[in-house]
N, C-alpha and C. Protein backbone atom coordinates (compact mmCIF):
# COMPACT_ATOMS: atom_id res chain seq x y z
N UNK A 1 -84.34 -20.21 -4.86
CA UNK A 1 -83.29 -19.72 -4.03
C UNK A 1 -83.64 -18.29 -3.70
N UNK A 2 -84.06 -18.14 -2.55
CA UNK A 2 -84.40 -16.81 -2.09
C UNK A 2 -83.35 -16.37 -1.13
N UNK A 3 -83.06 -15.12 -1.26
CA UNK A 3 -81.97 -14.58 -0.45
C UNK A 3 -82.48 -13.36 0.25
N UNK A 4 -82.37 -13.35 1.50
CA UNK A 4 -82.83 -12.20 2.25
C UNK A 4 -81.73 -11.19 2.35
N UNK A 5 -82.05 -9.95 2.08
CA UNK A 5 -81.10 -8.85 2.16
C UNK A 5 -80.04 -8.96 1.10
N UNK A 6 -80.28 -9.42 -0.07
CA UNK A 6 -79.36 -9.64 -1.17
C UNK A 6 -78.28 -8.58 -1.29
N UNK A 7 -77.22 -8.91 -1.95
CA UNK A 7 -76.09 -8.00 -2.07
C UNK A 7 -76.24 -7.05 -3.24
N UNK A 8 -75.43 -6.01 -3.28
CA UNK A 8 -75.47 -5.01 -4.33
C UNK A 8 -75.06 -5.60 -5.67
N UNK A 9 -74.35 -6.70 -5.64
CA UNK A 9 -73.92 -7.29 -6.89
C UNK A 9 -75.04 -8.02 -7.60
N UNK A 10 -76.14 -8.34 -6.89
CA UNK A 10 -77.23 -9.07 -7.50
C UNK A 10 -78.40 -8.17 -7.87
N UNK A 11 -78.39 -7.03 -7.28
CA UNK A 11 -79.54 -6.17 -7.52
C UNK A 11 -79.11 -4.73 -7.45
N UNK A 12 -79.91 -3.85 -7.94
CA UNK A 12 -79.60 -2.43 -7.88
C UNK A 12 -80.15 -1.78 -6.64
N UNK A 13 -80.82 -2.52 -5.84
CA UNK A 13 -81.37 -1.95 -4.62
C UNK A 13 -80.33 -1.96 -3.52
N UNK A 14 -80.42 -1.00 -2.57
CA UNK A 14 -79.45 -0.96 -1.48
C UNK A 14 -79.52 -2.24 -0.65
N UNK A 15 -78.42 -2.57 -0.08
CA UNK A 15 -78.35 -3.77 0.74
C UNK A 15 -79.19 -3.59 1.98
N UNK A 16 -79.79 -4.66 2.39
CA UNK A 16 -80.65 -4.61 3.55
C UNK A 16 -79.81 -4.53 4.80
N UNK A 17 -80.28 -3.81 5.76
CA UNK A 17 -79.62 -3.72 7.06
C UNK A 17 -78.44 -2.79 7.06
N UNK A 18 -78.41 -1.79 6.19
CA UNK A 18 -77.30 -0.85 6.17
C UNK A 18 -77.47 0.15 7.29
N UNK A 19 -76.40 0.76 7.68
CA UNK A 19 -76.42 1.74 8.75
C UNK A 19 -76.11 3.10 8.16
N UNK A 20 -76.83 4.10 8.53
CA UNK A 20 -76.64 5.44 8.01
C UNK A 20 -75.33 6.05 8.49
N UNK A 21 -74.81 5.59 9.62
CA UNK A 21 -73.57 6.13 10.17
C UNK A 21 -72.37 5.70 9.35
N UNK A 22 -72.44 4.58 8.66
CA UNK A 22 -71.30 4.10 7.89
C UNK A 22 -71.47 4.35 6.42
N UNK A 23 -72.60 4.83 5.99
CA UNK A 23 -72.80 5.10 4.57
C UNK A 23 -72.06 6.36 4.17
N UNK A 24 -71.38 6.29 3.02
CA UNK A 24 -70.63 7.43 2.50
C UNK A 24 -71.02 7.57 1.04
N UNK A 25 -71.23 8.79 0.63
CA UNK A 25 -71.59 8.99 -0.76
C UNK A 25 -70.35 8.76 -1.64
N UNK A 26 -70.60 8.51 -2.91
CA UNK A 26 -69.51 8.26 -3.85
C UNK A 26 -68.58 9.47 -3.94
N UNK A 27 -69.13 10.64 -3.93
CA UNK A 27 -68.35 11.87 -4.00
C UNK A 27 -67.40 11.97 -2.81
N UNK A 28 -67.91 11.72 -1.60
CA UNK A 28 -67.06 11.79 -0.41
C UNK A 28 -65.96 10.73 -0.49
N UNK A 29 -66.36 9.54 -0.97
CA UNK A 29 -65.38 8.45 -1.10
C UNK A 29 -64.26 8.82 -2.09
N UNK A 30 -64.63 9.34 -3.25
CA UNK A 30 -63.62 9.72 -4.23
C UNK A 30 -62.76 10.87 -3.73
N UNK A 31 -63.36 11.83 -3.02
CA UNK A 31 -62.57 12.93 -2.44
C UNK A 31 -61.58 12.40 -1.40
N UNK A 32 -62.02 11.45 -0.62
CA UNK A 32 -61.12 10.86 0.38
C UNK A 32 -59.99 10.10 -0.30
N UNK A 33 -60.33 9.36 -1.37
CA UNK A 33 -59.28 8.65 -2.10
C UNK A 33 -58.28 9.63 -2.73
N UNK A 34 -58.81 10.70 -3.30
CA UNK A 34 -57.95 11.72 -3.92
C UNK A 34 -57.05 12.36 -2.88
N UNK A 35 -57.59 12.68 -1.72
CA UNK A 35 -56.78 13.28 -0.65
C UNK A 35 -55.68 12.31 -0.20
N UNK A 36 -56.03 11.03 -0.07
CA UNK A 36 -55.02 10.03 0.31
C UNK A 36 -53.96 9.91 -0.77
N UNK A 37 -54.39 9.95 -2.03
CA UNK A 37 -53.45 9.88 -3.15
C UNK A 37 -52.50 11.08 -3.14
N UNK A 38 -53.02 12.25 -2.88
CA UNK A 38 -52.18 13.46 -2.81
C UNK A 38 -51.18 13.35 -1.67
N UNK A 39 -51.65 12.87 -0.51
CA UNK A 39 -50.73 12.68 0.63
C UNK A 39 -49.63 11.69 0.26
N UNK A 40 -50.00 10.60 -0.41
CA UNK A 40 -49.03 9.59 -0.83
C UNK A 40 -48.00 10.19 -1.80
N UNK A 41 -48.48 10.95 -2.79
CA UNK A 41 -47.58 11.58 -3.75
C UNK A 41 -46.66 12.60 -3.07
N UNK A 42 -47.20 13.37 -2.14
CA UNK A 42 -46.38 14.34 -1.41
C UNK A 42 -45.30 13.62 -0.60
N UNK A 43 -45.68 12.54 0.05
CA UNK A 43 -44.71 11.76 0.84
C UNK A 43 -43.64 11.17 -0.09
N UNK A 44 -44.07 10.63 -1.24
CA UNK A 44 -43.13 10.08 -2.20
C UNK A 44 -42.18 11.17 -2.72
N UNK A 45 -42.69 12.33 -3.04
CA UNK A 45 -41.86 13.44 -3.51
C UNK A 45 -40.87 13.88 -2.44
N UNK A 46 -41.33 13.92 -1.19
CA UNK A 46 -40.44 14.29 -0.09
C UNK A 46 -39.30 13.28 0.05
N UNK A 47 -39.64 12.00 -0.04
CA UNK A 47 -38.61 10.96 0.07
C UNK A 47 -37.63 11.02 -1.10
N UNK A 48 -38.15 11.23 -2.31
CA UNK A 48 -37.26 11.38 -3.46
C UNK A 48 -36.35 12.59 -3.30
N UNK A 49 -36.90 13.67 -2.77
CA UNK A 49 -36.09 14.87 -2.55
C UNK A 49 -35.00 14.60 -1.52
N UNK A 50 -35.35 13.91 -0.43
CA UNK A 50 -34.36 13.56 0.59
C UNK A 50 -33.29 12.63 0.01
N UNK A 51 -33.76 11.67 -0.79
CA UNK A 51 -32.82 10.73 -1.40
C UNK A 51 -31.85 11.45 -2.33
N UNK A 52 -32.38 12.38 -3.12
CA UNK A 52 -31.51 13.14 -4.02
C UNK A 52 -30.53 14.00 -3.24
N UNK A 53 -30.99 14.57 -2.12
CA UNK A 53 -30.10 15.39 -1.29
C UNK A 53 -28.97 14.51 -0.73
N UNK A 54 -29.30 13.30 -0.30
CA UNK A 54 -28.27 12.39 0.22
C UNK A 54 -27.30 11.98 -0.89
N UNK A 55 -27.82 11.74 -2.08
CA UNK A 55 -26.94 11.40 -3.21
C UNK A 55 -26.00 12.56 -3.53
N UNK A 56 -26.54 13.78 -3.50
CA UNK A 56 -25.71 14.95 -3.76
C UNK A 56 -24.62 15.08 -2.70
N UNK A 57 -24.99 14.85 -1.43
CA UNK A 57 -24.02 14.93 -0.35
C UNK A 57 -22.94 13.86 -0.51
N UNK A 58 -23.37 12.64 -0.87
CA UNK A 58 -22.40 11.55 -1.08
C UNK A 58 -21.48 11.87 -2.25
N UNK A 59 -22.02 12.47 -3.28
CA UNK A 59 -21.21 12.84 -4.44
C UNK A 59 -20.18 13.90 -4.07
N UNK A 60 -20.57 14.85 -3.24
CA UNK A 60 -19.64 15.89 -2.78
C UNK A 60 -18.52 15.25 -1.96
N UNK A 61 -18.88 14.34 -1.06
CA UNK A 61 -17.88 13.66 -0.22
C UNK A 61 -16.95 12.83 -1.10
N UNK A 62 -17.52 12.12 -2.07
CA UNK A 62 -16.70 11.30 -2.96
C UNK A 62 -15.76 12.18 -3.77
N UNK A 63 -16.25 13.30 -4.22
CA UNK A 63 -15.42 14.22 -5.00
C UNK A 63 -14.28 14.77 -4.15
N UNK A 64 -14.59 15.14 -2.90
CA UNK A 64 -13.55 15.65 -2.00
C UNK A 64 -12.52 14.57 -1.70
N UNK A 65 -13.00 13.33 -1.50
CA UNK A 65 -12.09 12.22 -1.24
C UNK A 65 -11.19 11.96 -2.44
N UNK A 66 -11.75 11.99 -3.63
CA UNK A 66 -10.96 11.78 -4.84
C UNK A 66 -9.93 12.89 -5.02
N UNK A 67 -10.34 14.12 -4.72
CA UNK A 67 -9.39 15.24 -4.83
C UNK A 67 -8.24 15.05 -3.84
N UNK A 68 -8.56 14.60 -2.62
CA UNK A 68 -7.53 14.36 -1.60
C UNK A 68 -6.58 13.26 -2.07
N UNK A 69 -7.15 12.17 -2.60
CA UNK A 69 -6.30 11.07 -3.08
C UNK A 69 -5.41 11.53 -4.24
N UNK A 70 -6.00 12.30 -5.15
CA UNK A 70 -5.20 12.81 -6.27
C UNK A 70 -4.07 13.70 -5.78
N UNK A 71 -4.36 14.54 -4.80
CA UNK A 71 -3.34 15.43 -4.26
C UNK A 71 -2.21 14.63 -3.62
N UNK A 72 -2.57 13.61 -2.84
CA UNK A 72 -1.55 12.78 -2.19
C UNK A 72 -0.74 11.99 -3.22
N UNK A 73 -1.40 11.51 -4.26
CA UNK A 73 -0.68 10.78 -5.31
C UNK A 73 0.29 11.72 -6.03
N UNK A 74 -0.13 12.95 -6.29
CA UNK A 74 0.75 13.92 -6.93
C UNK A 74 1.93 14.27 -6.02
N UNK A 75 1.67 14.40 -4.71
CA UNK A 75 2.76 14.68 -3.77
C UNK A 75 3.78 13.54 -3.78
N UNK A 76 3.29 12.32 -3.76
CA UNK A 76 4.19 11.16 -3.77
C UNK A 76 4.98 11.11 -5.08
N UNK A 77 4.31 11.38 -6.19
CA UNK A 77 4.99 11.38 -7.49
C UNK A 77 6.07 12.46 -7.51
N UNK A 78 5.77 13.65 -6.97
CA UNK A 78 6.77 14.73 -6.92
C UNK A 78 7.95 14.34 -6.04
N UNK A 79 7.65 13.71 -4.89
CA UNK A 79 8.72 13.30 -3.99
C UNK A 79 9.63 12.27 -4.66
N UNK A 80 9.04 11.32 -5.36
CA UNK A 80 9.84 10.31 -6.07
C UNK A 80 10.68 10.97 -7.14
N UNK A 81 10.11 11.94 -7.85
CA UNK A 81 10.87 12.64 -8.89
C UNK A 81 12.03 13.42 -8.30
N UNK A 82 11.80 14.06 -7.15
CA UNK A 82 12.88 14.82 -6.50
C UNK A 82 13.98 13.88 -6.01
N UNK A 83 13.59 12.76 -5.43
CA UNK A 83 14.58 11.85 -4.85
C UNK A 83 15.28 10.99 -5.90
N UNK A 84 14.71 10.90 -7.08
CA UNK A 84 15.29 10.07 -8.12
C UNK A 84 16.72 10.52 -8.43
N UNK A 85 16.97 11.82 -8.41
CA UNK A 85 18.30 12.34 -8.70
C UNK A 85 19.27 12.17 -7.54
N UNK A 86 18.78 11.87 -6.35
CA UNK A 86 19.65 11.75 -5.17
C UNK A 86 20.27 10.37 -5.03
N UNK A 87 19.71 9.37 -5.65
CA UNK A 87 20.21 8.02 -5.51
C UNK A 87 21.02 7.63 -6.74
N UNK A 88 22.11 6.90 -6.48
CA UNK A 88 22.96 6.46 -7.58
C UNK A 88 22.35 5.22 -8.23
N UNK A 89 22.51 5.12 -9.52
CA UNK A 89 22.01 3.94 -10.23
C UNK A 89 23.06 2.83 -10.13
N UNK A 90 22.69 1.66 -10.56
CA UNK A 90 23.59 0.52 -10.50
C UNK A 90 24.84 0.76 -11.36
N UNK A 91 24.65 1.35 -12.52
CA UNK A 91 25.79 1.62 -13.40
C UNK A 91 26.71 2.68 -12.79
N UNK A 92 26.11 3.69 -12.10
CA UNK A 92 26.93 4.70 -11.43
C UNK A 92 27.78 4.06 -10.34
N UNK A 93 27.17 3.19 -9.56
CA UNK A 93 27.92 2.52 -8.49
C UNK A 93 29.02 1.64 -9.05
N UNK A 94 28.73 0.90 -10.11
CA UNK A 94 29.74 0.02 -10.70
C UNK A 94 30.90 0.84 -11.25
N UNK A 95 30.61 1.98 -11.87
CA UNK A 95 31.67 2.85 -12.38
C UNK A 95 32.53 3.39 -11.26
N UNK A 96 31.91 3.78 -10.14
CA UNK A 96 32.67 4.28 -8.99
C UNK A 96 33.55 3.19 -8.40
N UNK A 97 33.03 1.99 -8.30
CA UNK A 97 33.81 0.87 -7.74
C UNK A 97 35.00 0.57 -8.66
N UNK A 98 34.76 0.58 -9.96
CA UNK A 98 35.87 0.33 -10.90
C UNK A 98 36.94 1.41 -10.78
N UNK A 99 36.55 2.67 -10.63
CA UNK A 99 37.50 3.76 -10.47
C UNK A 99 38.32 3.60 -9.19
N UNK A 100 37.65 3.26 -8.09
CA UNK A 100 38.35 3.07 -6.81
C UNK A 100 39.32 1.90 -6.92
N UNK A 101 38.87 0.79 -7.53
CA UNK A 101 39.77 -0.36 -7.69
C UNK A 101 40.98 -0.01 -8.55
N UNK A 102 40.77 0.75 -9.61
CA UNK A 102 41.89 1.14 -10.47
C UNK A 102 42.85 2.05 -9.71
N UNK A 103 42.31 2.92 -8.87
CA UNK A 103 43.15 3.83 -8.09
C UNK A 103 43.95 3.07 -7.03
N UNK A 104 43.34 2.08 -6.41
CA UNK A 104 43.99 1.35 -5.33
C UNK A 104 44.89 0.21 -5.81
N UNK A 105 44.79 -0.18 -7.07
CA UNK A 105 45.55 -1.33 -7.57
C UNK A 105 47.06 -1.16 -7.37
N UNK A 106 47.66 0.00 -7.72
CA UNK A 106 49.11 0.13 -7.48
C UNK A 106 49.46 0.04 -5.99
N UNK A 107 48.62 0.60 -5.14
CA UNK A 107 48.88 0.54 -3.70
C UNK A 107 48.81 -0.90 -3.20
N UNK A 108 47.82 -1.63 -3.64
CA UNK A 108 47.67 -3.03 -3.22
C UNK A 108 48.87 -3.85 -3.70
N UNK A 109 49.30 -3.62 -4.94
CA UNK A 109 50.46 -4.35 -5.47
C UNK A 109 51.72 -4.01 -4.69
N UNK A 110 51.87 -2.72 -4.33
CA UNK A 110 53.05 -2.30 -3.56
C UNK A 110 53.05 -2.97 -2.18
N UNK A 111 51.92 -2.96 -1.52
CA UNK A 111 51.84 -3.57 -0.18
C UNK A 111 52.13 -5.06 -0.27
N UNK A 112 51.57 -5.72 -1.31
CA UNK A 112 51.81 -7.15 -1.47
C UNK A 112 53.30 -7.42 -1.71
N UNK A 113 53.94 -6.58 -2.50
CA UNK A 113 55.38 -6.75 -2.76
C UNK A 113 56.18 -6.53 -1.49
N UNK A 114 55.84 -5.53 -0.70
CA UNK A 114 56.56 -5.27 0.55
C UNK A 114 56.39 -6.42 1.52
N UNK A 115 55.21 -6.99 1.57
CA UNK A 115 55.01 -8.13 2.47
C UNK A 115 55.85 -9.32 2.00
N UNK A 116 55.94 -9.49 0.69
CA UNK A 116 56.76 -10.58 0.15
C UNK A 116 58.23 -10.35 0.46
N UNK A 117 58.71 -9.08 0.33
CA UNK A 117 60.10 -8.76 0.64
C UNK A 117 60.37 -8.99 2.11
N UNK A 118 59.44 -8.54 2.94
CA UNK A 118 59.64 -8.70 4.38
C UNK A 118 59.60 -10.17 4.74
N UNK A 119 58.67 -10.92 4.15
CA UNK A 119 58.59 -12.35 4.42
C UNK A 119 59.85 -13.03 3.93
N UNK A 120 60.30 -12.64 2.74
CA UNK A 120 61.54 -13.21 2.22
C UNK A 120 62.72 -12.84 3.10
N UNK A 121 62.74 -11.62 3.60
CA UNK A 121 63.81 -11.19 4.50
C UNK A 121 63.81 -12.00 5.77
N UNK A 122 62.66 -12.30 6.29
CA UNK A 122 62.58 -13.13 7.48
C UNK A 122 63.10 -14.53 7.20
N UNK A 123 62.76 -15.06 6.06
CA UNK A 123 63.23 -16.40 5.71
C UNK A 123 64.76 -16.40 5.57
N UNK A 124 65.33 -15.36 4.99
CA UNK A 124 66.78 -15.25 4.83
C UNK A 124 67.46 -15.13 6.19
N UNK A 125 66.87 -14.30 7.05
CA UNK A 125 67.45 -14.15 8.39
C UNK A 125 67.41 -15.46 9.16
N UNK A 126 66.32 -16.17 9.03
CA UNK A 126 66.24 -17.47 9.71
C UNK A 126 67.29 -18.43 9.16
N UNK A 127 67.43 -18.42 7.88
CA UNK A 127 68.42 -19.33 7.26
C UNK A 127 69.83 -18.97 7.73
N UNK A 128 70.14 -17.67 7.79
CA UNK A 128 71.47 -17.24 8.27
C UNK A 128 71.65 -17.65 9.72
N UNK A 129 70.60 -17.48 10.51
CA UNK A 129 70.70 -17.86 11.93
C UNK A 129 70.96 -19.35 12.07
N UNK A 130 70.31 -20.16 11.28
CA UNK A 130 70.53 -21.61 11.33
C UNK A 130 71.96 -21.97 10.88
N UNK A 131 72.42 -21.29 9.86
CA UNK A 131 73.79 -21.58 9.37
C UNK A 131 74.81 -21.19 10.44
N UNK A 132 74.60 -19.99 11.03
CA UNK A 132 75.54 -19.54 12.08
C UNK A 132 75.49 -20.50 13.26
N UNK A 133 74.29 -20.90 13.64
CA UNK A 133 74.17 -21.84 14.76
C UNK A 133 74.84 -23.16 14.43
N UNK A 134 74.72 -23.64 13.21
CA UNK A 134 75.33 -24.89 12.80
C UNK A 134 76.86 -24.78 12.84
N UNK A 135 77.34 -23.63 12.31
CA UNK A 135 78.79 -23.43 12.29
C UNK A 135 79.32 -23.36 13.71
N UNK A 136 78.65 -22.58 14.56
CA UNK A 136 79.11 -22.49 15.95
C UNK A 136 79.03 -23.84 16.66
N UNK A 137 77.97 -24.57 16.39
CA UNK A 137 77.83 -25.90 17.01
C UNK A 137 78.95 -26.82 16.52
N UNK A 138 79.22 -26.81 15.25
CA UNK A 138 80.29 -27.66 14.69
C UNK A 138 81.63 -27.25 15.24
N UNK A 139 81.88 -25.94 15.36
CA UNK A 139 83.14 -25.45 15.91
C UNK A 139 83.29 -25.85 17.38
N UNK A 140 82.18 -25.77 18.10
CA UNK A 140 82.22 -26.16 19.52
C UNK A 140 82.56 -27.65 19.63
N UNK A 141 81.96 -28.47 18.81
CA UNK A 141 82.25 -29.90 18.84
C UNK A 141 83.71 -30.17 18.43
N UNK A 142 84.17 -29.46 17.40
CA UNK A 142 85.54 -29.62 16.95
C UNK A 142 86.51 -29.21 18.06
N UNK A 143 86.23 -28.13 18.76
CA UNK A 143 87.07 -27.64 19.85
C UNK A 143 87.07 -28.64 21.01
N UNK A 144 85.90 -29.21 21.24
CA UNK A 144 85.81 -30.18 22.34
C UNK A 144 86.60 -31.46 22.00
N UNK A 145 86.59 -31.84 20.75
CA UNK A 145 87.27 -33.07 20.33
C UNK A 145 88.80 -32.86 20.28
N UNK A 146 89.23 -31.69 19.92
CA UNK A 146 90.65 -31.43 19.82
C UNK A 146 91.22 -30.88 21.13
N UNK A 147 90.54 -30.54 21.93
CA UNK A 147 90.78 -29.84 23.04
C UNK A 147 91.37 -29.90 24.27
């Protein structure tokens, strides 16, 4: 098995048909790799720095938002505390209703009694009117019969 222009992996001799324009020494190659590595690290550091700056900015915004929310929650809590004394509780309302009912009870009883007296008076007047009408009617009939 003969191989023309064998590869570097089979022999220590340079490969056949190489071009001087594309040949690069090991030193130049390693320097180029190192330069590319430095560029990569610089780019990575720049991106990490930008990322950290964005995180810091987001943290500041979050902190400001939390402070705003805390302030609004405290305002609402203060407002509720101030208004708590302005509204009557259920027991306060029930006590007031009981007091009003106790105050009005004699008046309600008096009005009910007066309506009963007036209603009774009307019934008595009607009864008297019927009796008078009956008596007059009977007298008229008696006068007509004797007459």
